[in-house]
Amino acid sequence: MLNREGRWVIISGDRRITRNKAEYTIFRSSRLIGFFLSKGLYKAPFIKQAERILALWEGMEALAERVEGGAMFELPMKSTRIKQLKL
């Protein structure tokens, strides 16, 4: 399982994980690091999503190296500020 290895990063548009307490708790215990598309970015065309992810890639790498597993972040549509999500 990935949680045994730790330090795995996922990119997802499924924000329910960040809002549902049970899913949030399971994610936190998984030791995965999650980057979730903001609402605006999720609704954007795929090519725009890919463009933004690539533009934010270095920041995502830096954050993933500094945080513990179970951390969650939101990828913004326009800014370069990647904010950490909390329940």
PDB file of N, CA and C in Angstrom:
ATOM      1  N   MET A   1       0.838  -1.189   0.000  1.00  0.00           N
ATOM      2  CA  MET A   1       0.000   0.000   0.000  1.00  0.00           C
ATOM      3  C   MET A   1       0.881   1.250   0.000  1.00  0.00           C
ATOM      4  N   LEU A   2       0.353   2.297  -0.609  1.00  0.00           N
ATOM      5  CA  LEU A   2       1.115   3.543  -0.712  1.00  0.00           C
ATOM      6  C   LEU A   2       1.413   4.157   0.652  1.00  0.00           C
ATOM      7  N   ASN A   3       0.488   3.987   1.604  1.00  0.00           N
ATOM      8  CA  ASN A   3       0.712   4.629   2.902  1.00  0.00           C
ATOM      9  C   ASN A   3       1.902   4.029   3.640  1.00  0.00           C
ATOM     10  N   ARG A   4       2.294   2.817   3.326  1.00  0.00           N
ATOM     11  CA  ARG A   4       3.484   2.232   3.952  1.00  0.00           C
ATOM     12  C   ARG A   4       4.742   2.923   3.448  1.00  0.00           C
ATOM     13  N   GLU A   5       4.735   3.281   2.174  1.00  0.00           N
ATOM     14  CA  GLU A   5       5.886   3.965   1.595  1.00  0.00           C
ATOM     15  C   GLU A   5       5.934   5.422   2.016  1.00  0.00           C
ATOM     16  N   GLY A   6       4.780   6.069   2.052  1.00  0.00           N
ATOM     17  CA  GLY A   6       4.708   7.482   2.388  1.00  0.00           C
ATOM     18  C   GLY A   6       5.263   8.361   1.276  1.00  0.00           C
ATOM     19  N   ARG A   7       5.097   9.650   1.403  1.00  0.00           N
ATOM     20  CA  ARG A   7       5.616  10.659   0.481  1.00  0.00           C
ATOM     21  C   ARG A   7       5.026  10.608  -0.924  1.00  0.00           C
ATOM     22  N   TRP A   8       3.962   9.869  -1.145  1.00  0.00           N
ATOM     23  CA  TRP A   8       3.293   9.872  -2.444  1.00  0.00           C
ATOM     24  C   TRP A   8       2.426  11.126  -2.542  1.00  0.00           C
ATOM     25  N   VAL A   9       2.356  11.687  -3.741  1.00  0.00           N
ATOM     26  CA  VAL A   9       1.584  12.898  -3.986  1.00  0.00           C
ATOM     27  C   VAL A   9       0.498  12.587  -5.007  1.00  0.00           C
ATOM     28  N   ILE A  10      -0.711  13.095  -4.727  1.00  0.00           N
ATOM     29  CA  ILE A  10      -1.794  12.959  -5.693  1.00  0.00           C
ATOM     30  C   ILE A  10      -2.281  14.355  -6.092  1.00  0.00           C
ATOM     31  N   ILE A  11      -2.786  14.434  -7.311  1.00  0.00           N
ATOM     32  CA  ILE A  11      -3.442  15.646  -7.806  1.00  0.00           C
ATOM     33  C   ILE A  11      -4.853  15.219  -8.158  1.00  0.00           C
ATOM     34  N   SER A  12      -5.849  15.913  -7.601  1.00  0.00           N
ATOM     35  CA  SER A  12      -7.227  15.474  -7.775  1.00  0.00           C
ATOM     36  C   SER A  12      -8.185  16.656  -7.911  1.00  0.00           C
ATOM     37  N   GLY A  13      -9.272  16.403  -8.593  1.00  0.00           N
ATOM     38  CA  GLY A  13     -10.358  17.372  -8.662  1.00  0.00           C
ATOM     39  C   GLY A  13     -11.471  17.014  -7.694  1.00  0.00           C
ATOM     40  N   ASP A  14     -11.339  15.902  -6.980  1.00  0.00           N
ATOM     41  CA  ASP A  14     -12.378  15.428  -6.065  1.00  0.00           C
ATOM     42  C   ASP A  14     -12.258  16.117  -4.712  1.00  0.00           C
ATOM     43  N   ARG A  15     -12.898  17.252  -4.587  1.00  0.00           N
ATOM     44  CA  ARG A  15     -12.817  18.042  -3.351  1.00  0.00           C
ATOM     45  C   ARG A  15     -13.668  17.470  -2.223  1.00  0.00           C
ATOM     46  N   ARG A  16     -14.500  16.464  -2.515  1.00  0.00           N
ATOM     47  CA  ARG A  16     -15.308  15.872  -1.444  1.00  0.00           C
ATOM     48  C   ARG A  16     -14.410  15.346  -0.334  1.00  0.00           C
ATOM     49  N   ILE A  17     -13.236  14.875  -0.705  1.00  0.00           N
ATOM     50  CA  ILE A  17     -12.293  14.354   0.291  1.00  0.00           C
ATOM     51  C   ILE A  17     -11.972  15.432   1.319  1.00  0.00           C
ATOM     52  N   THR A  18     -11.918  16.672   0.896  1.00  0.00           N
ATOM     53  CA  THR A  18     -11.548  17.755   1.807  1.00  0.00           C
ATOM     54  C   THR A  18     -12.728  18.240   2.637  1.00  0.00           C
ATOM     55  N   ARG A  19     -13.942  17.881   2.256  1.00  0.00           N
ATOM     56  CA  ARG A  19     -15.141  18.381   2.957  1.00  0.00           C
ATOM     57  C   ARG A  19     -15.828  17.343   3.834  1.00  0.00           C
ATOM     58  N   ASN A  20     -15.721  16.084   3.482  1.00  0.00           N
ATOM     59  CA  ASN A  20     -16.369  15.015   4.219  1.00  0.00           C
ATOM     60  C   ASN A  20     -15.438  14.567   5.343  1.00  0.00           C
ATOM     61  N   LYS A  21     -15.918  14.662   6.586  1.00  0.00           N
ATOM     62  CA  LYS A  21     -15.052  14.390   7.733  1.00  0.00           C
ATOM     63  C   LYS A  21     -14.469  12.977   7.700  1.00  0.00           C
ATOM     64  N   ALA A  22     -15.261  11.980   7.344  1.00  0.00           N
ATOM     65  CA  ALA A  22     -14.768  10.597   7.303  1.00  0.00           C
ATOM     66  C   ALA A  22     -13.694  10.433   6.225  1.00  0.00           C
ATOM     67  N   GLU A  23     -13.962  10.969   5.029  1.00  0.00           N
ATOM     68  CA  GLU A  23     -12.976  10.869   3.946  1.00  0.00           C
ATOM     69  C   GLU A  23     -11.711  11.655   4.292  1.00  0.00           C
ATOM     70  N   TYR A  24     -11.885  12.807   4.906  1.00  0.00           N
ATOM     71  CA  TYR A  24     -10.753  13.626   5.322  1.00  0.00           C
ATOM     72  C   TYR A  24      -9.867  12.858   6.310  1.00  0.00           C
ATOM     73  N   THR A  25     -10.492  12.222   7.285  1.00  0.00           N
ATOM     74  CA  THR A  25      -9.757  11.461   8.295  1.00  0.00           C
ATOM     75  C   THR A  25      -8.992  10.307   7.665  1.00  0.00           C
ATOM     76  N   ILE A  26      -9.619   9.613   6.749  1.00  0.00           N
ATOM     77  CA  ILE A  26      -8.953   8.503   6.059  1.00  0.00           C
ATOM     78  C   ILE A  26      -7.779   9.022   5.230  1.00  0.00           C
ATOM     79  N   PHE A  27      -8.002  10.126   4.521  1.00  0.00           N
ATOM     80  CA  PHE A  27      -6.909  10.685   3.722  1.00  0.00           C
ATOM     81  C   PHE A  27      -5.739  11.063   4.615  1.00  0.00           C
ATOM     82  N   ARG A  28      -6.024  11.748   5.708  1.00  0.00           N
ATOM     83  CA  ARG A  28      -4.953  12.179   6.613  1.00  0.00           C
ATOM     84  C   ARG A  28      -4.144  10.988   7.113  1.00  0.00           C
ATOM     85  N   SER A  29      -4.802   9.878   7.399  1.00  0.00           N
ATOM     86  CA  SER A  29      -4.082   8.702   7.904  1.00  0.00           C
ATOM     87  C   SER A  29      -3.360   7.948   6.784  1.00  0.00           C
ATOM     88  N   SER A  30      -3.656   8.267   5.533  1.00  0.00           N
ATOM     89  CA  SER A  30      -3.039   7.573   4.405  1.00  0.00           C
ATOM     90  C   SER A  30      -1.581   7.964   4.189  1.00  0.00           C
ATOM     91  N   ARG A  31      -1.180   9.103   4.722  1.00  0.00           N
ATOM     92  CA  ARG A  31       0.161   9.665   4.558  1.00  0.00           C
ATOM     93  C   ARG A  31       0.422  10.144   3.134  1.00  0.00           C
ATOM     94  N   LEU A  32      -0.616  10.226   2.310  1.00  0.00           N
ATOM     95  CA  LEU A  32      -0.481  10.818   0.985  1.00  0.00           C
ATOM     96  C   LEU A  32      -0.456  12.336   1.134  1.00  0.00           C
ATOM     97  N   ILE A  33       0.074  13.018   0.142  1.00  0.00           N
ATOM     98  CA  ILE A  33       0.027  14.476   0.098  1.00  0.00           C
ATOM     99  C   ILE A  33      -0.862  14.821  -1.079  1.00  0.00           C
ATOM    100  N   GLY A  34      -1.904  15.627  -0.838  1.00  0.00           N
ATOM    101  CA  GLY A  34      -2.879  15.904  -1.877  1.00  0.00           C
ATOM    102  C   GLY A  34      -2.891  17.351  -2.337  1.00  0.00           C
ATOM    103  N   PHE A  35      -2.947  17.505  -3.650  1.00  0.00           N
ATOM    104  CA  PHE A  35      -3.142  18.814  -4.268  1.00  0.00           C
ATOM    105  C   PHE A  35      -4.472  18.740  -5.004  1.00  0.00           C
ATOM    106  N   PHE A  36      -5.414  19.583  -4.595  1.00  0.00           N
ATOM    107  CA  PHE A  36      -6.765  19.550  -5.133  1.00  0.00           C
ATOM    108  C   PHE A  36      -7.028  20.803  -5.962  1.00  0.00           C
ATOM    109  N   LEU A  37      -7.659  20.608  -7.102  1.00  0.00           N
ATOM    110  CA  LEU A  37      -7.991  21.732  -7.970  1.00  0.00           C
ATOM    111  C   LEU A  37      -9.028  22.614  -7.294  1.00  0.00           C
ATOM    112  N   SER A  38      -8.834  23.924  -7.356  1.00  0.00           N
ATOM    113  CA  SER A  38      -9.844  24.850  -6.852  1.00  0.00           C
ATOM    114  C   SER A  38     -11.102  24.704  -7.713  1.00  0.00           C
ATOM    115  N   LYS A  39     -12.208  25.220  -7.228  1.00  0.00           N
ATOM    116  CA  LYS A  39     -13.474  25.103  -7.960  1.00  0.00           C
ATOM    117  C   LYS A  39     -13.348  25.670  -9.379  1.00  0.00           C
ATOM    118  N   GLY A  40     -12.752  26.848  -9.493  1.00  0.00           N
ATOM    119  CA  GLY A  40     -12.588  27.472 -10.803  1.00  0.00           C
ATOM    120  C   GLY A  40     -11.694  26.667 -11.721  1.00  0.00           C
ATOM    121  N   LEU A  41     -10.631  26.131 -11.176  1.00  0.00           N
ATOM    122  CA  LEU A  41      -9.701  25.340 -11.981  1.00  0.00           C
ATOM    123  C   LEU A  41     -10.337  24.017 -12.402  1.00  0.00           C
ATOM    124  N   TYR A  42     -11.127  23.445 -11.518  1.00  0.00           N
ATOM    125  CA  TYR A  42     -11.820  22.189 -11.829  1.00  0.00           C
ATOM    126  C   TYR A  42     -12.770  22.365 -13.020  1.00  0.00           C
ATOM    127  N   LYS A  43     -13.402  23.524 -13.088  1.00  0.00           N
ATOM    128  CA  LYS A  43     -14.366  23.788 -14.165  1.00  0.00           C
ATOM    129  C   LYS A  43     -13.700  24.246 -15.464  1.00  0.00           C
ATOM    130  N   ALA A  44     -12.417  24.545 -15.405  1.00  0.00           N
ATOM    131  CA  ALA A  44     -11.685  25.021 -16.585  1.00  0.00           C
ATOM    132  C   ALA A  44     -11.439  23.866 -17.558  1.00  0.00           C
ATOM    133  N   PRO A  45     -11.222  24.187 -18.832  1.00  0.00           N
ATOM    134  CA  PRO A  45     -10.880  23.140 -19.802  1.00  0.00           C
ATOM    135  C   PRO A  45      -9.601  22.402 -19.378  1.00  0.00           C
ATOM    136  N   PHE A  46      -9.495  21.163 -19.800  1.00  0.00           N
ATOM    137  CA  PHE A  46      -8.373  20.318 -19.411  1.00  0.00           C
ATOM    138  C   PHE A  46      -7.022  20.976 -19.710  1.00  0.00           C
ATOM    139  N   ILE A  47      -6.896  21.600 -20.850  1.00  0.00           N
ATOM    140  CA  ILE A  47      -5.610  22.209 -21.225  1.00  0.00           C
ATOM    141  C   ILE A  47      -5.223  23.317 -20.245  1.00  0.00           C
ATOM    142  N   LYS A  48      -6.212  24.078 -19.752  1.00  0.00           N
ATOM    143  CA  LYS A  48      -5.964  25.120 -18.752  1.00  0.00           C
ATOM    144  C   LYS A  48      -5.543  24.489 -17.426  1.00  0.00           C
ATOM    145  N   GLN A  49      -6.189  23.381 -17.055  1.00  0.00           N
ATOM    146  CA  GLN A  49      -5.810  22.676 -15.832  1.00  0.00           C
ATOM    147  C   GLN A  49      -4.355  22.227 -15.915  1.00  0.00           C
ATOM    148  N   ALA A  50      -3.988  21.619 -17.032  1.00  0.00           N
ATOM    149  CA  ALA A  50      -2.622  21.139 -17.216  1.00  0.00           C
ATOM    150  C   ALA A  50      -1.625  22.299 -17.179  1.00  0.00           C
ATOM    151  N   GLU A  51      -1.984  23.400 -17.808  1.00  0.00           N
ATOM    152  CA  GLU A  51      -1.127  24.591 -17.827  1.00  0.00           C
ATOM    153  C   GLU A  51      -0.877  25.103 -16.412  1.00  0.00           C
ATOM    154  N   ARG A  52      -1.926  25.182 -15.613  1.00  0.00           N
ATOM    155  CA  ARG A  52      -1.795  25.681 -14.237  1.00  0.00           C
ATOM    156  C   ARG A  52      -0.972  24.730 -13.382  1.00  0.00           C
ATOM    157  N   ILE A  53      -1.207  23.428 -13.527  1.00  0.00           N
ATOM    158  CA  ILE A  53      -0.439  22.453 -12.747  1.00  0.00           C
ATOM    159  C   ILE A  53       1.045  22.581 -13.074  1.00  0.00           C
ATOM    160  N   LEU A  54       1.368  22.704 -14.349  1.00  0.00           N
ATOM    161  CA  LEU A  54       2.776  22.862 -14.733  1.00  0.00           C
ATOM    162  C   LEU A  54       3.357  24.171 -14.209  1.00  0.00           C
ATOM    163  N   ALA A  55       2.559  25.243 -14.234  1.00  0.00           N
ATOM    164  CA  ALA A  55       3.027  26.539 -13.732  1.00  0.00           C
ATOM    165  C   ALA A  55       3.285  26.490 -12.224  1.00  0.00           C
ATOM    166  N   LEU A  56       2.547  25.651 -11.515  1.00  0.00           N
ATOM    167  CA  LEU A  56       2.669  25.556 -10.059  1.00  0.00           C
ATOM    168  C   LEU A  56       3.574  24.413  -9.608  1.00  0.00           C
ATOM    169  N   TRP A  57       4.100  23.658 -10.543  1.00  0.00           N
ATOM    170  CA  TRP A  57       4.816  22.411 -10.241  1.00  0.00           C
ATOM    171  C   TRP A  57       5.955  22.598  -9.238  1.00  0.00           C
ATOM    172  N   GLU A  58       6.819  23.584  -9.438  1.00  0.00           N
ATOM    173  CA  GLU A  58       7.952  23.781  -8.525  1.00  0.00           C
ATOM    174  C   GLU A  58       7.482  24.067  -7.105  1.00  0.00           C
ATOM    175  N   GLY A  59       6.452  24.870  -6.980  1.00  0.00           N
ATOM    176  CA  GLY A  59       5.903  25.159  -5.657  1.00  0.00           C
ATOM    177  C   GLY A  59       5.302  23.926  -5.012  1.00  0.00           C
ATOM    178  N   MET A  60       4.663  23.104  -5.822  1.00  0.00           N
ATOM    179  CA  MET A  60       4.088  21.859  -5.315  1.00  0.00           C
ATOM    180  C   MET A  60       5.192  20.925  -4.811  1.00  0.00           C
ATOM    181  N   GLU A  61       6.266  20.820  -5.577  1.00  0.00           N
ATOM    182  CA  GLU A  61       7.398  19.977  -5.157  1.00  0.00           C
ATOM    183  C   GLU A  61       7.992  20.462  -3.838  1.00  0.00           C
ATOM    184  N   ALA A  62       8.172  21.771  -3.734  1.00  0.00           N
ATOM    185  CA  ALA A  62       8.751  22.346  -2.516  1.00  0.00           C
ATOM    186  C   ALA A  62       7.861  22.067  -1.311  1.00  0.00           C
ATOM    187  N   LEU A  63       6.562  22.242  -1.474  1.00  0.00           N
ATOM    188  CA  LEU A  63       5.635  21.970  -0.371  1.00  0.00           C
ATOM    189  C   LEU A  63       5.649  20.497   0.004  1.00  0.00           C
ATOM    190  N   ALA A  64       5.624  19.625  -0.985  1.00  0.00           N
ATOM    191  CA  ALA A  64       5.587  18.185  -0.726  1.00  0.00           C
ATOM    192  C   ALA A  64       6.818  17.710   0.044  1.00  0.00           C
ATOM    193  N   GLU A  65       7.933  18.370  -0.156  1.00  0.00           N
ATOM    194  CA  GLU A  65       9.149  18.003   0.566  1.00  0.00           C
ATOM    195  C   GLU A  65       9.138  18.472   2.015  1.00  0.00           C
ATOM    196  N   ARG A  66       8.356  19.515   2.313  1.00  0.00           N
ATOM    197  CA  ARG A  66       8.381  20.123   3.649  1.00  0.00           C
ATOM    198  C   ARG A  66       7.294  19.619   4.583  1.00  0.00           C
ATOM    199  N   VAL A  67       6.240  19.022   4.060  1.00  0.00           N
ATOM    200  CA  VAL A  67       5.096  18.689   4.910  1.00  0.00           C
ATOM    201  C   VAL A  67       5.048  17.203   5.240  1.00  0.00           C
ATOM    202  N   GLU A  68       4.265  16.902   6.260  1.00  0.00           N
ATOM    203  CA  GLU A  68       4.014  15.518   6.645  1.00  0.00           C
ATOM    204  C   GLU A  68       2.957  14.927   5.719  1.00  0.00           C
ATOM    205  N   GLY A  69       2.949  13.624   5.609  1.00  0.00           N
ATOM    206  CA  GLY A  69       1.907  12.949   4.853  1.00  0.00           C
ATOM    207  C   GLY A  69       0.540  13.255   5.445  1.00  0.00           C
ATOM    208  N   GLY A  70      -0.459  13.326   4.604  1.00  0.00           N
ATOM    209  CA  GLY A  70      -1.809  13.673   5.040  1.00  0.00           C
ATOM    210  C   GLY A  70      -2.138  15.132   4.787  1.00  0.00           C
ATOM    211  N   ALA A  71      -1.155  15.917   4.371  1.00  0.00           N
ATOM    212  CA  ALA A  71      -1.383  17.335   4.092  1.00  0.00           C
ATOM    213  C   ALA A  71      -2.184  17.487   2.800  1.00  0.00           C
ATOM    214  N   MET A  72      -3.002  18.530   2.752  1.00  0.00           N
ATOM    215  CA  MET A  72      -3.833  18.815   1.589  1.00  0.00           C
ATOM    216  C   MET A  72      -3.687  20.281   1.203  1.00  0.00           C
ATOM    217  N   PHE A  73      -3.647  20.525  -0.111  1.00  0.00           N
ATOM    218  CA  PHE A  73      -3.482  21.874  -0.628  1.00  0.00           C
ATOM    219  C   PHE A  73      -4.465  22.132  -1.763  1.00  0.00           C
ATOM    220  N   GLU A  74      -4.765  23.419  -1.984  1.00  0.00           N
ATOM    221  CA  GLU A  74      -5.633  23.822  -3.087  1.00  0.00           C
ATOM    222  C   GLU A  74      -4.803  24.516  -4.159  1.00  0.00           C
ATOM    223  N   LEU A  75      -4.959  24.062  -5.398  1.00  0.00           N
ATOM    224  CA  LEU A  75      -4.277  24.684  -6.531  1.00  0.00           C
ATOM    225  C   LEU A  75      -5.156  25.797  -7.087  1.00  0.00           C
ATOM    226  N   PRO A  76      -4.678  27.034  -7.050  1.00  0.00           N
ATOM    227  CA  PRO A  76      -5.489  28.175  -7.466  1.00  0.00           C
ATOM    228  C   PRO A  76      -5.606  28.308  -8.986  1.00  0.00           C
ATOM    229  N   MET A  77      -6.662  28.977  -9.411  1.00  0.00           N
ATOM    230  CA  MET A  77      -6.903  29.220 -10.826  1.00  0.00           C
ATOM    231  C   MET A  77      -5.951  30.282 -11.385  1.00  0.00           C
ATOM    232  N   LYS A  78      -5.675  31.312 -10.585  1.00  0.00           N
ATOM    233  CA  LYS A  78      -4.889  32.439 -11.116  1.00  0.00           C
ATOM    234  C   LYS A  78      -3.624  32.749 -10.344  1.00  0.00           C
ATOM    235  N   SER A  79      -3.659  32.753  -9.044  1.00  0.00           N
ATOM    236  CA  SER A  79      -2.490  33.170  -8.278  1.00  0.00           C
ATOM    237  C   SER A  79      -1.440  32.060  -8.225  1.00  0.00           C
ATOM    238  N   THR A  80      -0.320  32.372  -7.617  1.00  0.00           N
ATOM    239  CA  THR A  80       0.732  31.366  -7.434  1.00  0.00           C
ATOM    240  C   THR A  80       0.767  30.875  -5.998  1.00  0.00           C
ATOM    241  N   ARG A  81      -0.171  31.356  -5.190  1.00  0.00           N
ATOM    242  CA  ARG A  81      -0.215  30.970  -3.774  1.00  0.00           C
ATOM    243  C   ARG A  81      -0.988  29.667  -3.626  1.00  0.00           C
ATOM    244  N   ILE A  82      -0.306  28.632  -3.201  1.00  0.00           N
ATOM    245  CA  ILE A  82      -0.935  27.335  -2.966  1.00  0.00           C
ATOM    246  C   ILE A  82      -1.263  27.283  -1.481  1.00  0.00           C
ATOM    247  N   LYS A  83      -2.555  27.254  -1.157  1.00  0.00           N
ATOM    248  CA  LYS A  83      -2.916  27.298   0.257  1.00  0.00           C
ATOM    249  C   LYS A  83      -3.190  25.905   0.800  1.00  0.00           C
ATOM    250  N   GLN A  84      -2.800  25.722   2.074  1.00  0.00           N
ATOM    251  CA  GLN A  84      -3.046  24.444   2.727  1.00  0.00           C
ATOM    252  C   GLN A  84      -4.497  24.405   3.183  1.00  0.00           C
ATOM    253  N   LEU A  85      -5.147  23.260   2.989  1.00  0.00           N
ATOM    254  CA  LEU A  85      -6.540  23.085   3.353  1.00  0.00           C
ATOM    255  C   LEU A  85      -6.631  22.490   4.751  1.00  0.00           C
ATOM    256  N   LYS A  86      -7.617  22.952   5.487  1.00  0.00           N
ATOM    257  CA  LYS A  86      -7.906  22.425   6.816  1.00  0.00           C
ATOM    258  C   LYS A  86      -9.389  22.144   6.908  1.00  0.00           C
ATOM    259  N   LEU A  87      -9.776  21.190   7.718  1.00  0.00           N
ATOM    260  CA  LEU A  87     -11.194  20.862   7.897  1.00  0.00           C
ATOM    261  C   LEU A  87     -11.797  21.725   8.976  1.00  0.00           C
TER     262      LEU A  87
END
